[in-house]
N, C-alpha and C. Protein backbone atom coordinates (compact mmCIF):
# COMPACT_ATOMS: atom_id res chain seq x y z
N MET A 1 0.81 -1.18 0.00
CA MET A 1 0.00 0.00 0.00
C MET A 1 0.86 1.26 0.00
N PHE A 2 1.85 1.34 0.90
CA PHE A 2 2.69 2.52 0.97
C PHE A 2 3.64 2.61 -0.22
N ALA A 3 4.16 1.47 -0.65
CA ALA A 3 5.19 1.47 -1.68
C ALA A 3 4.66 1.90 -3.04
N ARG A 4 3.37 1.73 -3.32
CA ARG A 4 2.83 2.01 -4.65
C ARG A 4 1.95 3.24 -4.72
N ASN A 5 1.67 3.87 -3.61
CA ASN A 5 0.78 5.03 -3.60
C ASN A 5 1.51 6.23 -4.18
N LYS A 6 1.03 6.71 -5.33
CA LYS A 6 1.68 7.83 -6.03
C LYS A 6 1.38 9.18 -5.38
N HIS A 7 0.41 9.23 -4.47
CA HIS A 7 0.06 10.48 -3.79
C HIS A 7 0.97 10.75 -2.61
N LEU A 8 1.75 9.78 -2.21
CA LEU A 8 2.66 9.95 -1.09
C LEU A 8 4.03 10.35 -1.57
N SER A 9 4.70 11.18 -0.80
CA SER A 9 6.08 11.56 -1.12
C SER A 9 7.00 10.37 -0.78
N PRO A 10 8.22 10.37 -1.32
CA PRO A 10 9.16 9.29 -0.95
C PRO A 10 9.39 9.21 0.56
N LEU A 11 9.42 10.36 1.24
CA LEU A 11 9.58 10.36 2.70
C LEU A 11 8.40 9.68 3.38
N GLN A 12 7.18 9.97 2.92
CA GLN A 12 5.99 9.37 3.50
C GLN A 12 5.95 7.87 3.24
N ARG A 13 6.31 7.44 2.03
CA ARG A 13 6.34 6.00 1.72
C ARG A 13 7.37 5.28 2.58
N ARG A 14 8.57 5.85 2.66
CA ARG A 14 9.64 5.22 3.44
C ARG A 14 9.26 5.15 4.92
N SER A 15 8.71 6.23 5.45
CA SER A 15 8.31 6.24 6.86
C SER A 15 7.18 5.25 7.12
N GLY A 16 6.21 5.16 6.20
CA GLY A 16 5.12 4.20 6.35
C GLY A 16 5.59 2.77 6.32
N LEU A 17 6.53 2.47 5.43
CA LEU A 17 7.08 1.11 5.37
C LEU A 17 7.87 0.78 6.63
N ARG A 18 8.63 1.75 7.13
CA ARG A 18 9.38 1.51 8.37
C ARG A 18 8.45 1.29 9.55
N LEU A 19 7.37 2.08 9.63
CA LEU A 19 6.41 1.89 10.71
C LEU A 19 5.73 0.52 10.61
N ALA A 20 5.36 0.12 9.41
CA ALA A 20 4.73 -1.19 9.23
C ALA A 20 5.69 -2.31 9.64
N GLY A 21 6.95 -2.18 9.26
CA GLY A 21 7.95 -3.19 9.64
C GLY A 21 8.16 -3.25 11.14
N ALA A 22 8.21 -2.09 11.78
CA ALA A 22 8.38 -2.06 13.24
C ALA A 22 7.16 -2.64 13.94
N LEU A 23 5.96 -2.38 13.41
CA LEU A 23 4.75 -2.94 14.01
C LEU A 23 4.72 -4.46 13.87
N LEU A 24 5.12 -4.97 12.72
CA LEU A 24 5.19 -6.42 12.54
C LEU A 24 6.23 -7.04 13.47
N LEU A 25 7.37 -6.37 13.61
CA LEU A 25 8.40 -6.86 14.53
C LEU A 25 7.91 -6.84 15.98
N THR A 26 7.12 -5.83 16.33
CA THR A 26 6.53 -5.78 17.67
C THR A 26 5.64 -6.98 17.92
N MET A 27 4.78 -7.28 16.94
CA MET A 27 3.88 -8.43 17.10
C MET A 27 4.67 -9.73 17.20
N LEU A 28 5.69 -9.89 16.37
CA LEU A 28 6.50 -11.11 16.40
C LEU A 28 7.20 -11.26 17.75
N LEU A 29 7.83 -10.20 18.23
CA LEU A 29 8.52 -10.27 19.51
C LEU A 29 7.56 -10.47 20.67
N PHE A 30 6.36 -9.90 20.56
CA PHE A 30 5.36 -10.10 21.60
C PHE A 30 4.96 -11.57 21.69
N PHE A 31 4.72 -12.20 20.55
CA PHE A 31 4.35 -13.61 20.57
C PHE A 31 5.50 -14.49 21.06
N ILE A 32 6.71 -14.16 20.67
CA ILE A 32 7.87 -14.91 21.15
C ILE A 32 8.00 -14.75 22.67
N ALA A 33 7.87 -13.51 23.15
CA ALA A 33 8.05 -13.23 24.58
C ALA A 33 6.99 -13.90 25.44
N HIS A 34 5.80 -14.11 24.90
CA HIS A 34 4.73 -14.69 25.72
C HIS A 34 4.49 -16.17 25.46
N ASP A 35 4.97 -16.68 24.34
CA ASP A 35 4.79 -18.11 24.07
C ASP A 35 6.01 -18.94 24.48
N LEU A 36 7.19 -18.38 24.39
CA LEU A 36 8.40 -19.12 24.73
C LEU A 36 8.42 -19.57 26.20
N PRO A 37 8.07 -18.70 27.16
CA PRO A 37 8.06 -19.16 28.56
C PRO A 37 7.03 -20.25 28.83
N ALA A 38 6.00 -20.35 28.01
CA ALA A 38 4.99 -21.39 28.21
C ALA A 38 5.53 -22.76 27.83
N HIS A 39 6.54 -22.79 26.97
CA HIS A 39 7.08 -24.06 26.49
C HIS A 39 8.43 -24.42 27.11
N PHE A 40 9.13 -23.43 27.66
CA PHE A 40 10.45 -23.67 28.22
C PHE A 40 10.55 -23.04 29.60
N THR A 41 11.39 -23.61 30.44
CA THR A 41 11.67 -23.03 31.74
C THR A 41 12.86 -22.10 31.58
N LEU A 42 12.64 -20.83 31.90
CA LEU A 42 13.69 -19.83 31.71
C LEU A 42 14.05 -19.19 33.04
N ALA A 43 15.30 -18.75 33.14
CA ALA A 43 15.74 -18.02 34.33
C ALA A 43 14.96 -16.71 34.40
N THR A 44 14.77 -16.21 35.60
CA THR A 44 13.97 -15.00 35.81
C THR A 44 14.55 -13.81 35.05
N THR A 45 15.87 -13.65 35.08
CA THR A 45 16.50 -12.54 34.38
C THR A 45 16.25 -12.64 32.88
N LEU A 46 16.43 -13.83 32.32
CA LEU A 46 16.19 -14.03 30.90
C LEU A 46 14.72 -13.81 30.55
N LEU A 47 13.84 -14.22 31.43
CA LEU A 47 12.41 -14.03 31.22
C LEU A 47 12.06 -12.53 31.17
N HIS A 48 12.64 -11.76 32.09
CA HIS A 48 12.39 -10.31 32.08
C HIS A 48 12.96 -9.65 30.84
N LEU A 49 14.14 -10.04 30.43
CA LEU A 49 14.73 -9.49 29.20
C LEU A 49 13.89 -9.84 27.98
N LEU A 50 13.39 -11.05 27.96
CA LEU A 50 12.54 -11.50 26.85
C LEU A 50 11.24 -10.70 26.80
N GLN A 51 10.68 -10.38 27.95
CA GLN A 51 9.42 -9.64 27.99
C GLN A 51 9.59 -8.16 27.65
N ILE A 52 10.81 -7.65 27.75
CA ILE A 52 11.09 -6.26 27.40
C ILE A 52 11.30 -6.10 25.90
N LEU A 53 11.64 -7.17 25.20
CA LEU A 53 11.94 -7.10 23.77
C LEU A 53 10.89 -6.38 22.93
N PRO A 54 9.59 -6.59 23.12
CA PRO A 54 8.62 -5.88 22.27
C PRO A 54 8.65 -4.36 22.43
N ALA A 55 9.24 -3.86 23.49
CA ALA A 55 9.31 -2.41 23.67
C ALA A 55 10.34 -1.77 22.73
N ILE A 56 11.28 -2.54 22.24
CA ILE A 56 12.32 -1.99 21.36
C ILE A 56 11.73 -1.48 20.05
N PRO A 57 10.93 -2.28 19.33
CA PRO A 57 10.35 -1.73 18.10
C PRO A 57 9.33 -0.61 18.36
N VAL A 58 8.69 -0.62 19.53
CA VAL A 58 7.78 0.49 19.85
C VAL A 58 8.59 1.78 19.99
N ALA A 59 9.73 1.71 20.66
CA ALA A 59 10.62 2.88 20.75
C ALA A 59 11.11 3.29 19.37
N ALA A 60 11.36 2.31 18.51
CA ALA A 60 11.77 2.61 17.13
C ALA A 60 10.66 3.34 16.38
N MET A 61 9.41 2.96 16.63
CA MET A 61 8.29 3.64 15.97
C MET A 61 8.21 5.10 16.39
N VAL A 62 8.44 5.38 17.65
CA VAL A 62 8.45 6.77 18.13
C VAL A 62 9.56 7.54 17.42
N TRP A 63 10.71 6.92 17.29
CA TRP A 63 11.84 7.55 16.60
C TRP A 63 11.52 7.79 15.12
N ILE A 64 10.89 6.81 14.46
CA ILE A 64 10.54 6.94 13.03
C ILE A 64 9.57 8.10 12.83
N VAL A 65 8.56 8.20 13.68
CA VAL A 65 7.59 9.30 13.56
C VAL A 65 8.29 10.63 13.83
N GLY A 66 9.16 10.67 14.81
CA GLY A 66 9.90 11.90 15.08
C GLY A 66 10.77 12.32 13.91
N GLN A 67 11.45 11.35 13.31
CA GLN A 67 12.28 11.65 12.14
C GLN A 67 11.44 12.12 10.96
N TYR A 68 10.26 11.51 10.80
CA TYR A 68 9.37 11.94 9.72
C TYR A 68 8.94 13.39 9.94
N LEU A 69 8.53 13.73 11.16
CA LEU A 69 8.07 15.09 11.44
C LEU A 69 9.19 16.11 11.27
N VAL A 70 10.42 15.74 11.59
CA VAL A 70 11.55 16.65 11.41
C VAL A 70 11.81 16.87 9.93
N ARG A 71 11.69 15.84 9.12
CA ARG A 71 12.04 15.93 7.69
C ARG A 71 10.89 16.40 6.81
N GLU A 72 9.67 16.37 7.31
CA GLU A 72 8.52 16.81 6.50
C GLU A 72 8.62 18.32 6.30
N THR A 73 8.64 18.75 5.04
CA THR A 73 8.80 20.17 4.74
C THR A 73 7.47 20.91 4.65
N ASP A 74 6.38 20.21 4.41
CA ASP A 74 5.07 20.84 4.29
C ASP A 74 4.48 21.02 5.69
N GLU A 75 4.38 22.28 6.12
CA GLU A 75 3.90 22.59 7.47
C GLU A 75 2.46 22.12 7.69
N PHE A 76 1.63 22.20 6.65
CA PHE A 76 0.23 21.78 6.76
C PHE A 76 0.14 20.28 7.00
N ILE A 77 0.91 19.49 6.26
CA ILE A 77 0.92 18.03 6.44
C ILE A 77 1.46 17.70 7.83
N ARG A 78 2.49 18.39 8.24
CA ARG A 78 3.06 18.15 9.57
C ARG A 78 2.02 18.42 10.66
N MET A 79 1.22 19.49 10.50
CA MET A 79 0.19 19.81 11.47
C MET A 79 -0.89 18.73 11.51
N ILE A 80 -1.30 18.24 10.34
CA ILE A 80 -2.32 17.19 10.28
C ILE A 80 -1.82 15.91 10.94
N VAL A 81 -0.59 15.54 10.64
CA VAL A 81 -0.01 14.32 11.24
C VAL A 81 0.12 14.49 12.75
N THR A 82 0.57 15.65 13.19
CA THR A 82 0.71 15.89 14.63
C THR A 82 -0.64 15.84 15.33
N ARG A 83 -1.66 16.43 14.71
CA ARG A 83 -3.00 16.40 15.29
C ARG A 83 -3.52 14.98 15.39
N SER A 84 -3.31 14.18 14.36
CA SER A 84 -3.78 12.79 14.40
C SER A 84 -3.03 11.98 15.45
N LEU A 85 -1.74 12.26 15.62
CA LEU A 85 -0.96 11.56 16.67
C LEU A 85 -1.46 11.94 18.06
N LEU A 86 -1.80 13.20 18.24
CA LEU A 86 -2.33 13.62 19.55
C LEU A 86 -3.69 12.98 19.84
N TRP A 87 -4.54 12.88 18.82
CA TRP A 87 -5.81 12.18 19.00
C TRP A 87 -5.56 10.71 19.33
N GLY A 88 -4.62 10.10 18.63
CA GLY A 88 -4.30 8.70 18.90
C GLY A 88 -3.82 8.50 20.32
N LEU A 89 -2.97 9.41 20.79
CA LEU A 89 -2.47 9.32 22.16
C LEU A 89 -3.59 9.49 23.17
N GLY A 90 -4.45 10.49 22.92
CA GLY A 90 -5.56 10.74 23.84
C GLY A 90 -6.53 9.57 23.93
N VAL A 91 -6.92 9.02 22.78
CA VAL A 91 -7.85 7.89 22.78
C VAL A 91 -7.20 6.67 23.44
N THR A 92 -5.91 6.46 23.19
CA THR A 92 -5.21 5.34 23.82
C THR A 92 -5.19 5.48 25.34
N MET A 93 -4.93 6.68 25.82
CA MET A 93 -4.90 6.89 27.27
C MET A 93 -6.28 6.66 27.89
N VAL A 94 -7.32 7.18 27.25
CA VAL A 94 -8.67 6.99 27.77
C VAL A 94 -9.05 5.50 27.73
N ALA A 95 -8.75 4.83 26.61
CA ALA A 95 -9.07 3.40 26.50
C ALA A 95 -8.31 2.60 27.55
N ASN A 96 -7.05 2.95 27.78
CA ASN A 96 -6.25 2.25 28.79
C ASN A 96 -6.84 2.44 30.18
N ILE A 97 -7.26 3.65 30.50
CA ILE A 97 -7.85 3.91 31.81
C ILE A 97 -9.15 3.13 31.98
N VAL A 98 -10.02 3.18 30.96
CA VAL A 98 -11.30 2.48 31.04
C VAL A 98 -11.08 0.98 31.17
N LEU A 99 -10.20 0.42 30.35
CA LEU A 99 -9.97 -1.03 30.40
C LEU A 99 -9.33 -1.45 31.72
N ASN A 100 -8.44 -0.62 32.27
CA ASN A 100 -7.84 -0.95 33.57
C ASN A 100 -8.87 -0.92 34.68
N VAL A 101 -9.83 0.01 34.60
CA VAL A 101 -10.89 0.06 35.61
C VAL A 101 -11.80 -1.16 35.46
N LEU A 102 -12.16 -1.51 34.22
CA LEU A 102 -13.04 -2.66 34.00
C LEU A 102 -12.42 -3.97 34.46
N PHE A 103 -11.10 -4.08 34.31
CA PHE A 103 -10.43 -5.32 34.67
C PHE A 103 -9.53 -5.12 35.89
N ALA A 104 -9.95 -4.27 36.82
CA ALA A 104 -9.13 -3.95 37.99
C ALA A 104 -8.94 -5.13 38.92
N GLY A 105 -9.81 -6.12 38.84
CA GLY A 105 -9.71 -7.27 39.71
C GLY A 105 -8.59 -8.22 39.35
N GLY A 106 -7.81 -7.89 38.33
CA GLY A 106 -6.71 -8.75 37.93
C GLY A 106 -7.17 -9.97 37.16
N SER A 107 -8.24 -9.83 36.43
CA SER A 107 -8.77 -10.94 35.64
C SER A 107 -7.76 -11.39 34.59
N ALA A 108 -7.63 -12.68 34.46
CA ALA A 108 -6.75 -13.22 33.44
C ALA A 108 -7.29 -12.96 32.04
N TYR A 109 -8.55 -12.59 31.95
CA TYR A 109 -9.16 -12.35 30.65
C TYR A 109 -9.10 -10.88 30.24
N GLY A 110 -8.44 -10.06 31.01
CA GLY A 110 -8.31 -8.65 30.67
C GLY A 110 -7.38 -8.46 29.48
N PRO A 111 -7.49 -7.32 28.84
CA PRO A 111 -6.66 -7.07 27.65
C PRO A 111 -5.20 -6.82 28.04
N SER A 112 -4.32 -7.20 27.17
CA SER A 112 -2.91 -6.97 27.39
C SER A 112 -2.57 -5.54 27.01
N GLN A 113 -1.60 -4.96 27.66
CA GLN A 113 -1.22 -3.58 27.35
C GLN A 113 -0.53 -3.47 26.00
N ILE A 114 -0.15 -4.57 25.40
CA ILE A 114 0.45 -4.52 24.08
C ILE A 114 -0.55 -4.00 23.05
N PHE A 115 -1.84 -4.11 23.36
CA PHE A 115 -2.85 -3.61 22.43
C PHE A 115 -2.94 -2.09 22.44
N ASP A 116 -2.26 -1.44 23.36
CA ASP A 116 -2.24 0.02 23.35
C ASP A 116 -1.67 0.54 22.04
N ILE A 117 -0.65 -0.11 21.52
CA ILE A 117 -0.04 0.35 20.26
C ILE A 117 -1.03 0.18 19.12
N ASP A 118 -1.85 -0.86 19.17
CA ASP A 118 -2.87 -1.05 18.13
C ASP A 118 -3.94 0.03 18.21
N ILE A 119 -4.38 0.34 19.42
CA ILE A 119 -5.37 1.39 19.61
C ILE A 119 -4.81 2.73 19.12
N PHE A 120 -3.56 2.98 19.47
CA PHE A 120 -2.92 4.23 19.08
C PHE A 120 -2.84 4.37 17.56
N PHE A 121 -2.32 3.35 16.89
CA PHE A 121 -2.15 3.46 15.44
C PHE A 121 -3.48 3.46 14.71
N ALA A 122 -4.44 2.67 15.17
CA ALA A 122 -5.75 2.65 14.52
C ALA A 122 -6.43 4.01 14.64
N THR A 123 -6.38 4.59 15.84
CA THR A 123 -7.01 5.89 16.04
C THR A 123 -6.28 6.98 15.25
N SER A 124 -4.95 6.97 15.31
CA SER A 124 -4.18 7.98 14.57
C SER A 124 -4.45 7.89 13.08
N PHE A 125 -4.48 6.68 12.54
CA PHE A 125 -4.72 6.49 11.12
C PHE A 125 -6.13 6.94 10.74
N PHE A 126 -7.11 6.58 11.57
CA PHE A 126 -8.50 6.97 11.31
C PHE A 126 -8.66 8.48 11.33
N VAL A 127 -8.08 9.15 12.31
CA VAL A 127 -8.15 10.61 12.39
C VAL A 127 -7.40 11.24 11.22
N LEU A 128 -6.27 10.67 10.83
CA LEU A 128 -5.53 11.19 9.68
C LEU A 128 -6.37 11.11 8.41
N LEU A 129 -7.07 9.99 8.21
CA LEU A 129 -7.95 9.87 7.05
C LEU A 129 -9.07 10.90 7.08
N ILE A 130 -9.65 11.13 8.26
CA ILE A 130 -10.71 12.14 8.40
C ILE A 130 -10.16 13.52 8.08
N GLU A 131 -8.99 13.85 8.63
CA GLU A 131 -8.39 15.15 8.40
C GLU A 131 -8.07 15.38 6.92
N ILE A 132 -7.51 14.38 6.27
CA ILE A 132 -7.18 14.50 4.85
C ILE A 132 -8.47 14.65 4.02
N GLY A 133 -9.47 13.84 4.35
CA GLY A 133 -10.74 13.93 3.62
C GLY A 133 -11.42 15.27 3.83
N ARG A 134 -11.35 15.80 5.01
CA ARG A 134 -11.99 17.08 5.33
C ARG A 134 -11.29 18.24 4.64
N ASN A 135 -10.00 18.12 4.39
CA ASN A 135 -9.23 19.22 3.83
C ASN A 135 -9.04 19.13 2.32
N GLN A 136 -9.66 18.16 1.67
CA GLN A 136 -9.51 18.06 0.21
C GLN A 136 -10.55 18.87 -0.49
């Protein structure tokens, strides 16, 4: 989708592909970090290091977005992207608070916090589409 869209600048395509790759790596590391201990007995230190691994691509995503915003020359596009990121952050925080209150009893069926990144990107992307559609 990003690689073939002629309406996107090379910077936007490259940043979109990097974000998609980091998101896929996050999902892969998350599954490894949570499935490996179920099948093998690991030392506590190794277990903690393994569970921290999915945070690395999330930090990379923050860096990728920051680099995109620094390199974007169109102030209007930068404002729209920044606004959508702020909406994504706000909705993620509210969703996290609501879900934590709903599952405050420590239910094993509560949502994992790894889904915060999904809520953030889905909301940011949805708001970005609305903003672009509204301004065309």
